[in-house]
Amino acid sequence: MFAINFRKSVIEKIAKQPFVVMDFSAVSFMDSSGLGALVSILKKIPPGGELRLACIKDNVASLLQMTHMDQVFSIFPSLSAALER
């Protein structure tokens, strides 16, 4: 249920935004529904835009690597690095 509400909330906020940075510093766990929410959000970003994930913890990074989504999302070690690019 959290993933559904998260997806809806973010999609409403990013409408037509080409670049979105998400700070994952407080996220220690993500399952397939959370991953699905991120994919849904990515699909709503206009062509040429980018979803940037910052401060990914090891558990979440492992999920992204296992699913090869680390090749889909732009991942940055810090929020400042994600904002600077």
PDB file of N, CA and C in Angstrom:
ATOM      1  N   MET A   1       0.818  -1.189   0.000  1.00  0.00           N
ATOM      2  CA  MET A   1       0.000   0.000   0.000  1.00  0.00           C
ATOM      3  C   MET A   1       0.866   1.259   0.000  1.00  0.00           C
ATOM      4  N   PHE A   2       1.977   1.204   0.737  1.00  0.00           N
ATOM      5  CA  PHE A   2       2.860   2.366   0.783  1.00  0.00           C
ATOM      6  C   PHE A   2       3.377   2.702  -0.609  1.00  0.00           C
ATOM      7  N   ALA A   3       3.782   1.680  -1.375  1.00  0.00           N
ATOM      8  CA  ALA A   3       4.340   1.913  -2.715  1.00  0.00           C
ATOM      9  C   ALA A   3       3.319   2.588  -3.629  1.00  0.00           C
ATOM     10  N   ILE A   4       2.067   2.197  -3.522  1.00  0.00           N
ATOM     11  CA  ILE A   4       1.010   2.788  -4.354  1.00  0.00           C
ATOM     12  C   ILE A   4       0.833   4.265  -4.015  1.00  0.00           C
ATOM     13  N   ASN A   5       0.746   4.571  -2.727  1.00  0.00           N
ATOM     14  CA  ASN A   5       0.588   5.965  -2.295  1.00  0.00           C
ATOM     15  C   ASN A   5       1.818   6.794  -2.649  1.00  0.00           C
ATOM     16  N   PHE A   6       2.992   6.195  -2.489  1.00  0.00           N
ATOM     17  CA  PHE A   6       4.239   6.874  -2.836  1.00  0.00           C
ATOM     18  C   PHE A   6       4.246   7.219  -4.321  1.00  0.00           C
ATOM     19  N   ARG A   7       3.935   6.245  -5.159  1.00  0.00           N
ATOM     20  CA  ARG A   7       3.931   6.453  -6.610  1.00  0.00           C
ATOM     21  C   ARG A   7       2.971   7.569  -6.999  1.00  0.00           C
ATOM     22  N   LYS A   8       1.748   7.514  -6.487  1.00  0.00           N
ATOM     23  CA  LYS A   8       0.754   8.545  -6.819  1.00  0.00           C
ATOM     24  C   LYS A   8       1.214   9.931  -6.395  1.00  0.00           C
ATOM     25  N   SER A   9       1.737  10.021  -5.194  1.00  0.00           N
ATOM     26  CA  SER A   9       2.175  11.305  -4.660  1.00  0.00           C
ATOM     27  C   SER A   9       3.314  11.890  -5.493  1.00  0.00           C
ATOM     28  N   VAL A  10       4.285  11.061  -5.822  1.00  0.00           N
ATOM     29  CA  VAL A  10       5.429  11.549  -6.591  1.00  0.00           C
ATOM     30  C   VAL A  10       5.009  11.927  -8.003  1.00  0.00           C
ATOM     31  N   ILE A  11       4.210  11.099  -8.641  1.00  0.00           N
ATOM     32  CA  ILE A  11       3.787  11.390 -10.014  1.00  0.00           C
ATOM     33  C   ILE A  11       3.033  12.715 -10.071  1.00  0.00           C
ATOM     34  N   GLU A  12       2.201  12.990  -9.083  1.00  0.00           N
ATOM     35  CA  GLU A  12       1.486  14.273  -9.045  1.00  0.00           C
ATOM     36  C   GLU A  12       2.457  15.450  -8.902  1.00  0.00           C
ATOM     37  N   LYS A  13       3.507  15.256  -8.126  1.00  0.00           N
ATOM     38  CA  LYS A  13       4.452  16.345  -7.860  1.00  0.00           C
ATOM     39  C   LYS A  13       5.420  16.590  -9.014  1.00  0.00           C
ATOM     40  N   ILE A  14       5.736  15.550  -9.789  1.00  0.00           N
ATOM     41  CA  ILE A  14       6.762  15.711 -10.828  1.00  0.00           C
ATOM     42  C   ILE A  14       6.189  15.965 -12.206  1.00  0.00           C
ATOM     43  N   ALA A  15       4.898  16.102 -12.319  1.00  0.00           N
ATOM     44  CA  ALA A  15       4.266  16.257 -13.629  1.00  0.00           C
ATOM     45  C   ALA A  15       5.106  17.140 -14.543  1.00  0.00           C
ATOM     46  N   LYS A  16       5.600  16.540 -15.591  1.00  0.00           N
ATOM     47  CA  LYS A  16       6.349  17.229 -16.651  1.00  0.00           C
ATOM     48  C   LYS A  16       7.728  17.742 -16.226  1.00  0.00           C
ATOM     49  N   GLN A  17       8.233  17.313 -15.086  1.00  0.00           N
ATOM     50  CA  GLN A  17       9.579  17.710 -14.664  1.00  0.00           C
ATOM     51  C   GLN A  17      10.598  16.826 -15.375  1.00  0.00           C
ATOM     52  N   PRO A  18      11.576  17.415 -16.059  1.00  0.00           N
ATOM     53  CA  PRO A  18      12.531  16.591 -16.793  1.00  0.00           C
ATOM     54  C   PRO A  18      13.564  15.892 -15.902  1.00  0.00           C
ATOM     55  N   PHE A  19      13.911  16.502 -14.777  1.00  0.00           N
ATOM     56  CA  PHE A  19      14.903  15.896 -13.902  1.00  0.00           C
ATOM     57  C   PHE A  19      14.354  15.820 -12.485  1.00  0.00           C
ATOM     58  N   VAL A  20      14.393  14.627 -11.929  1.00  0.00           N
ATOM     59  CA  VAL A  20      13.895  14.405 -10.576  1.00  0.00           C
ATOM     60  C   VAL A  20      15.006  13.726  -9.787  1.00  0.00           C
ATOM     61  N   VAL A  21      15.306  14.268  -8.615  1.00  0.00           N
ATOM     62  CA  VAL A  21      16.302  13.679  -7.725  1.00  0.00           C
ATOM     63  C   VAL A  21      15.571  13.150  -6.501  1.00  0.00           C
ATOM     64  N   MET A  22      15.831  11.893  -6.182  1.00  0.00           N
ATOM     65  CA  MET A  22      15.217  11.276  -5.001  1.00  0.00           C
ATOM     66  C   MET A  22      16.318  10.902  -4.018  1.00  0.00           C
ATOM     67  N   ASP A  23      16.184  11.377  -2.791  1.00  0.00           N
ATOM     68  CA  ASP A  23      17.147  11.108  -1.716  1.00  0.00           C
ATOM     69  C   ASP A  23      16.704   9.837  -0.994  1.00  0.00           C
ATOM     70  N   PHE A  24      17.502   8.792  -1.081  1.00  0.00           N
ATOM     71  CA  PHE A  24      17.184   7.504  -0.469  1.00  0.00           C
ATOM     72  C   PHE A  24      17.911   7.292   0.855  1.00  0.00           C
ATOM     73  N   SER A  25      18.438   8.333   1.449  1.00  0.00           N
ATOM     74  CA  SER A  25      19.223   8.180   2.679  1.00  0.00           C
ATOM     75  C   SER A  25      18.412   7.587   3.835  1.00  0.00           C
ATOM     76  N   ALA A  26      17.112   7.735   3.822  1.00  0.00           N
ATOM     77  CA  ALA A  26      16.273   7.187   4.895  1.00  0.00           C
ATOM     78  C   ALA A  26      15.630   5.857   4.511  1.00  0.00           C
ATOM     79  N   VAL A  27      15.967   5.326   3.332  1.00  0.00           N
ATOM     80  CA  VAL A  27      15.356   4.077   2.856  1.00  0.00           C
ATOM     81  C   VAL A  27      16.327   2.929   3.090  1.00  0.00           C
ATOM     82  N   SER A  28      15.953   2.021   3.988  1.00  0.00           N
ATOM     83  CA  SER A  28      16.821   0.879   4.280  1.00  0.00           C
ATOM     84  C   SER A  28      16.296  -0.415   3.674  1.00  0.00           C
ATOM     85  N   PHE A  29      15.076  -0.401   3.142  1.00  0.00           N
ATOM     86  CA  PHE A  29      14.493  -1.598   2.537  1.00  0.00           C
ATOM     87  C   PHE A  29      13.575  -1.196   1.393  1.00  0.00           C
ATOM     88  N   MET A  30      13.640  -1.966   0.318  1.00  0.00           N
ATOM     89  CA  MET A  30      12.710  -1.784  -0.789  1.00  0.00           C
ATOM     90  C   MET A  30      12.432  -3.156  -1.385  1.00  0.00           C
ATOM     91  N   ASP A  31      11.157  -3.426  -1.669  1.00  0.00           N
ATOM     92  CA  ASP A  31      10.791  -4.687  -2.291  1.00  0.00           C
ATOM     93  C   ASP A  31      10.358  -4.444  -3.733  1.00  0.00           C
ATOM     94  N   SER A  32       9.795  -5.459  -4.360  1.00  0.00           N
ATOM     95  CA  SER A  32       9.417  -5.351  -5.770  1.00  0.00           C
ATOM     96  C   SER A  32       8.333  -4.296  -6.004  1.00  0.00           C
ATOM     97  N   SER A  33       7.471  -4.077  -5.038  1.00  0.00           N
ATOM     98  CA  SER A  33       6.441  -3.053  -5.227  1.00  0.00           C
ATOM     99  C   SER A  33       7.066  -1.655  -5.218  1.00  0.00           C
ATOM    100  N   GLY A  34       8.074  -1.449  -4.401  1.00  0.00           N
ATOM    101  CA  GLY A  34       8.795  -0.176  -4.406  1.00  0.00           C
ATOM    102  C   GLY A  34       9.554   0.010  -5.710  1.00  0.00           C
ATOM    103  N   LEU A  35      10.142  -1.059  -6.203  1.00  0.00           N
ATOM    104  CA  LEU A  35      10.846  -1.003  -7.477  1.00  0.00           C
ATOM    105  C   LEU A  35       9.873  -0.700  -8.614  1.00  0.00           C
ATOM    106  N   GLY A  36       8.702  -1.314  -8.563  1.00  0.00           N
ATOM    107  CA  GLY A  36       7.666  -1.037  -9.555  1.00  0.00           C
ATOM    108  C   GLY A  36       7.225   0.415  -9.520  1.00  0.00           C
ATOM    109  N   ALA A  37       7.142   0.977  -8.321  1.00  0.00           N
ATOM    110  CA  ALA A  37       6.765   2.390  -8.184  1.00  0.00           C
ATOM    111  C   ALA A  37       7.817   3.279  -8.830  1.00  0.00           C
ATOM    112  N   LEU A  38       9.094   2.955  -8.643  1.00  0.00           N
ATOM    113  CA  LEU A  38      10.155   3.746  -9.264  1.00  0.00           C
ATOM    114  C   LEU A  38      10.087   3.671 -10.791  1.00  0.00           C
ATOM    115  N   VAL A  39       9.794   2.489 -11.310  1.00  0.00           N
ATOM    116  CA  VAL A  39       9.671   2.335 -12.763  1.00  0.00           C
ATOM    117  C   VAL A  39       8.494   3.158 -13.280  1.00  0.00           C
ATOM    118  N   SER A  40       7.382   3.142 -12.567  1.00  0.00           N
ATOM    119  CA  SER A  40       6.216   3.951 -12.962  1.00  0.00           C
ATOM    120  C   SER A  40       6.552   5.435 -12.973  1.00  0.00           C
ATOM    121  N   ILE A  41       7.287   5.871 -11.964  1.00  0.00           N
ATOM    122  CA  ILE A  41       7.693   7.273 -11.884  1.00  0.00           C
ATOM    123  C   ILE A  41       8.614   7.607 -13.056  1.00  0.00           C
ATOM    124  N   LEU A  42       9.563   6.727 -13.338  1.00  0.00           N
ATOM    125  CA  LEU A  42      10.494   6.950 -14.446  1.00  0.00           C
ATOM    126  C   LEU A  42       9.754   7.108 -15.768  1.00  0.00           C
ATOM    127  N   LYS A  43       8.722   6.319 -15.970  1.00  0.00           N
ATOM    128  CA  LYS A  43       7.949   6.385 -17.217  1.00  0.00           C
ATOM    129  C   LYS A  43       7.207   7.706 -17.379  1.00  0.00           C
ATOM    130  N   LYS A  44       6.952   8.408 -16.290  1.00  0.00           N
ATOM    131  CA  LYS A  44       6.232   9.687 -16.340  1.00  0.00           C
ATOM    132  C   LYS A  44       7.151  10.877 -16.614  1.00  0.00           C
ATOM    133  N   ILE A  45       8.452  10.654 -16.571  1.00  0.00           N
ATOM    134  CA  ILE A  45       9.396  11.736 -16.836  1.00  0.00           C
ATOM    135  C   ILE A  45       9.490  11.927 -18.349  1.00  0.00           C
ATOM    136  N   PRO A  46       9.430  13.166 -18.812  1.00  0.00           N
ATOM    137  CA  PRO A  46       9.454  13.435 -20.259  1.00  0.00           C
ATOM    138  C   PRO A  46      10.719  12.898 -20.936  1.00  0.00           C
ATOM    139  N   PRO A  47      10.646  12.623 -22.235  1.00  0.00           N
ATOM    140  CA  PRO A  47      11.825  12.162 -22.981  1.00  0.00           C
ATOM    141  C   PRO A  47      12.998  13.124 -22.797  1.00  0.00           C
ATOM    142  N   GLY A  48      14.163  12.563 -22.610  1.00  0.00           N
ATOM    143  CA  GLY A  48      15.352  13.373 -22.376  1.00  0.00           C
ATOM    144  C   GLY A  48      15.563  13.711 -20.913  1.00  0.00           C
ATOM    145  N   GLY A  49      14.567  13.400 -20.075  1.00  0.00           N
ATOM    146  CA  GLY A  49      14.675  13.658 -18.644  1.00  0.00           C
ATOM    147  C   GLY A  49      15.393  12.532 -17.942  1.00  0.00           C
ATOM    148  N   GLU A  50      15.455  12.620 -16.634  1.00  0.00           N
ATOM    149  CA  GLU A  50      16.219  11.640 -15.870  1.00  0.00           C
ATOM    150  C   GLU A  50      15.703  11.557 -14.440  1.00  0.00           C
ATOM    151  N   LEU A  51      15.643  10.342 -13.928  1.00  0.00           N
ATOM    152  CA  LEU A  51      15.343  10.104 -12.521  1.00  0.00           C
ATOM    153  C   LEU A  51      16.663   9.768 -11.851  1.00  0.00           C
ATOM    154  N   ARG A  52      17.082  10.608 -10.920  1.00  0.00           N
ATOM    155  CA  ARG A  52      18.355  10.427 -10.233  1.00  0.00           C
ATOM    156  C   ARG A  52      18.109   9.955  -8.806  1.00  0.00           C
ATOM    157  N   LEU A  53      18.756   8.862  -8.449  1.00  0.00           N
ATOM    158  CA  LEU A  53      18.633   8.299  -7.103  1.00  0.00           C
ATOM    159  C   LEU A  53      19.923   8.579  -6.356  1.00  0.00           C
ATOM    160  N   ALA A  54      19.800   9.139  -5.161  1.00  0.00           N
ATOM    161  CA  ALA A  54      20.980   9.500  -4.373  1.00  0.00           C
ATOM    162  C   ALA A  54      20.969   8.789  -3.030  1.00  0.00           C
ATOM    163  N   CYS A  55      22.159   8.533  -2.515  1.00  0.00           N
ATOM    164  CA  CYS A  55      22.349   7.989  -1.160  1.00  0.00           C
ATOM    165  C   CYS A  55      21.713   6.608  -0.997  1.00  0.00           C
ATOM    166  N   ILE A  56      21.912   5.737  -1.958  1.00  0.00           N
ATOM    167  CA  ILE A  56      21.339   4.381  -1.918  1.00  0.00           C
ATOM    168  C   ILE A  56      22.108   3.536  -0.903  1.00  0.00           C
ATOM    169  N   LYS A  57      21.383   2.913   0.002  1.00  0.00           N
ATOM    170  CA  LYS A  57      22.010   2.026   0.993  1.00  0.00           C
ATOM    171  C   LYS A  57      22.218   0.642   0.382  1.00  0.00           C
ATOM    172  N   ASP A  58      23.059  -0.160   1.024  1.00  0.00           N
ATOM    173  CA  ASP A  58      23.462  -1.454   0.483  1.00  0.00           C
ATOM    174  C   ASP A  58      22.298  -2.386   0.150  1.00  0.00           C
ATOM    175  N   ASN A  59      21.285  -2.461   1.019  1.00  0.00           N
ATOM    176  CA  ASN A  59      20.150  -3.363   0.767  1.00  0.00           C
ATOM    177  C   ASN A  59      19.410  -2.976  -0.503  1.00  0.00           C
ATOM    178  N   VAL A  60      19.178  -1.711  -0.683  1.00  0.00           N
ATOM    179  CA  VAL A  60      18.469  -1.223  -1.869  1.00  0.00           C
ATOM    180  C   VAL A  60      19.372  -1.357  -3.093  1.00  0.00           C
ATOM    181  N   ALA A  61      20.649  -1.064  -2.944  1.00  0.00           N
ATOM    182  CA  ALA A  61      21.600  -1.205  -4.047  1.00  0.00           C
ATOM    183  C   ALA A  61      21.650  -2.646  -4.533  1.00  0.00           C
ATOM    184  N   SER A  62      21.588  -3.602  -3.611  1.00  0.00           N
ATOM    185  CA  SER A  62      21.599  -5.019  -3.989  1.00  0.00           C
ATOM    186  C   SER A  62      20.391  -5.378  -4.840  1.00  0.00           C
ATOM    187  N   LEU A  63      19.223  -4.878  -4.461  1.00  0.00           N
ATOM    188  CA  LEU A  63      18.008  -5.129  -5.238  1.00  0.00           C
ATOM    189  C   LEU A  63      18.138  -4.531  -6.636  1.00  0.00           C
ATOM    190  N   LEU A  64      18.620  -3.309  -6.710  1.00  0.00           N
ATOM    191  CA  LEU A  64      18.788  -2.656  -8.008  1.00  0.00           C
ATOM    192  C   LEU A  64      19.787  -3.413  -8.880  1.00  0.00           C
ATOM    193  N   GLN A  65      20.851  -3.946  -8.280  1.00  0.00           N
ATOM    194  CA  GLN A  65      21.843  -4.703  -9.033  1.00  0.00           C
ATOM    195  C   GLN A  65      21.286  -6.045  -9.496  1.00  0.00           C
ATOM    196  N   MET A  66      20.579  -6.756  -8.613  1.00  0.00           N
ATOM    197  CA  MET A  66      20.011  -8.064  -8.980  1.00  0.00           C
ATOM    198  C   MET A  66      19.023  -7.957 -10.131  1.00  0.00           C
ATOM    199  N   THR A  67      18.294  -6.873 -10.172  1.00  0.00           N
ATOM    200  CA  THR A  67      17.280  -6.682 -11.207  1.00  0.00           C
ATOM    201  C   THR A  67      17.815  -5.897 -12.406  1.00  0.00           C
ATOM    202  N   HIS A  68      19.092  -5.553 -12.361  1.00  0.00           N
ATOM    203  CA  HIS A  68      19.758  -4.762 -13.407  1.00  0.00           C
ATOM    204  C   HIS A  68      19.152  -3.375 -13.569  1.00  0.00           C
ATOM    205  N   MET A  69      18.417  -2.928 -12.578  1.00  0.00           N
ATOM    206  CA  MET A  69      17.837  -1.585 -12.630  1.00  0.00           C
ATOM    207  C   MET A  69      18.887  -0.523 -12.305  1.00  0.00           C
ATOM    208  N   ASP A  70      20.037  -0.952 -11.811  1.00  0.00           N
ATOM    209  CA  ASP A  70      21.129  -0.006 -11.592  1.00  0.00           C
ATOM    210  C   ASP A  70      21.653   0.522 -12.927  1.00  0.00           C
ATOM    211  N   GLN A  71      21.304  -0.165 -14.023  1.00  0.00           N
ATOM    212  CA  GLN A  71      21.686   0.286 -15.359  1.00  0.00           C
ATOM    213  C   GLN A  71      20.616   1.199 -15.967  1.00  0.00           C
ATOM    214  N   VAL A  72      19.444   1.231 -15.344  1.00  0.00           N
ATOM    215  CA  VAL A  72      18.327   2.040 -15.838  1.00  0.00           C
ATOM    216  C   VAL A  72      18.298   3.398 -15.142  1.00  0.00           C
ATOM    217  N   PHE A  73      18.490   3.383 -13.841  1.00  0.00           N
ATOM    218  CA  PHE A  73      18.451   4.614 -13.057  1.00  0.00           C
ATOM    219  C   PHE A  73      19.847   5.233 -12.953  1.00  0.00           C
ATOM    220  N   SER A  74      19.886   6.534 -12.846  1.00  0.00           N
ATOM    221  CA  SER A  74      21.139   7.239 -12.572  1.00  0.00           C
ATOM    222  C   SER A  74      21.307   7.269 -11.064  1.00  0.00           C
ATOM    223  N   ILE A  75      22.386   6.650 -10.577  1.00  0.00           N
ATOM    224  CA  ILE A  75      22.604   6.514  -9.136  1.00  0.00           C
ATOM    225  C   ILE A  75      23.830   7.322  -8.734  1.00  0.00           C
ATOM    226  N   PHE A  76      23.679   8.108  -7.665  1.00  0.00           N
ATOM    227  CA  PHE A  76      24.731   8.986  -7.192  1.00  0.00           C
ATOM    228  C   PHE A  76      25.021   8.700  -5.716  1.00  0.00           C
ATOM    229  N   PRO A  77      26.279   8.839  -5.306  1.00  0.00           N
ATOM    230  CA  PRO A  77      26.640   8.546  -3.918  1.00  0.00           C
ATOM    231  C   PRO A  77      26.109   9.561  -2.909  1.00  0.00           C
ATOM    232  N   SER A  78      25.835  10.774  -3.378  1.00  0.00           N
ATOM    233  CA  SER A  78      25.359  11.817  -2.463  1.00  0.00           C
ATOM    234  C   SER A  78      24.302  12.672  -3.142  1.00  0.00           C
ATOM    235  N   LEU A  79      23.543  13.354  -2.341  1.00  0.00           N
ATOM    236  CA  LEU A  79      22.518  14.253  -2.859  1.00  0.00           C
ATOM    237  C   LEU A  79      23.164  15.407  -3.636  1.00  0.00           C
ATOM    238  N   SER A  80      24.244  15.920  -3.112  1.00  0.00           N
ATOM    239  CA  SER A  80      24.917  17.036  -3.809  1.00  0.00           C
ATOM    240  C   SER A  80      25.428  16.604  -5.177  1.00  0.00           C
ATOM    241  N   ALA A  81      25.946  15.380  -5.288  1.00  0.00           N
ATOM    242  CA  ALA A  81      26.433  14.885  -6.587  1.00  0.00           C
ATOM    243  C   ALA A  81      25.274  14.756  -7.575  1.00  0.00           C
ATOM    244  N   ALA A  82      24.130  14.299  -7.101  1.00  0.00           N
ATOM    245  CA  ALA A  82      22.966  14.154  -7.971  1.00  0.00           C
ATOM    246  C   ALA A  82      22.442  15.510  -8.435  1.00  0.00           C
ATOM    247  N   LEU A  83      22.517  16.493  -7.571  1.00  0.00           N
ATOM    248  CA  LEU A  83      22.034  17.833  -7.916  1.00  0.00           C
ATOM    249  C   LEU A  83      23.008  18.591  -8.824  1.00  0.00           C
ATOM    250  N   GLU A  84      24.288  18.312  -8.712  1.00  0.00           N
ATOM    251  CA  GLU A  84      25.299  19.022  -9.491  1.00  0.00           C
ATOM    252  C   GLU A  84      25.319  18.622 -10.951  1.00  0.00           C
ATOM    253  N   ARG A  85      25.047  17.388 -11.224  1.00  0.00           N
ATOM    254  CA  ARG A  85      25.187  16.879 -12.594  1.00  0.00           C
ATOM    255  C   ARG A  85      24.338  17.630 -13.567  1.00  0.00           C
TER     256      ARG A  85
END
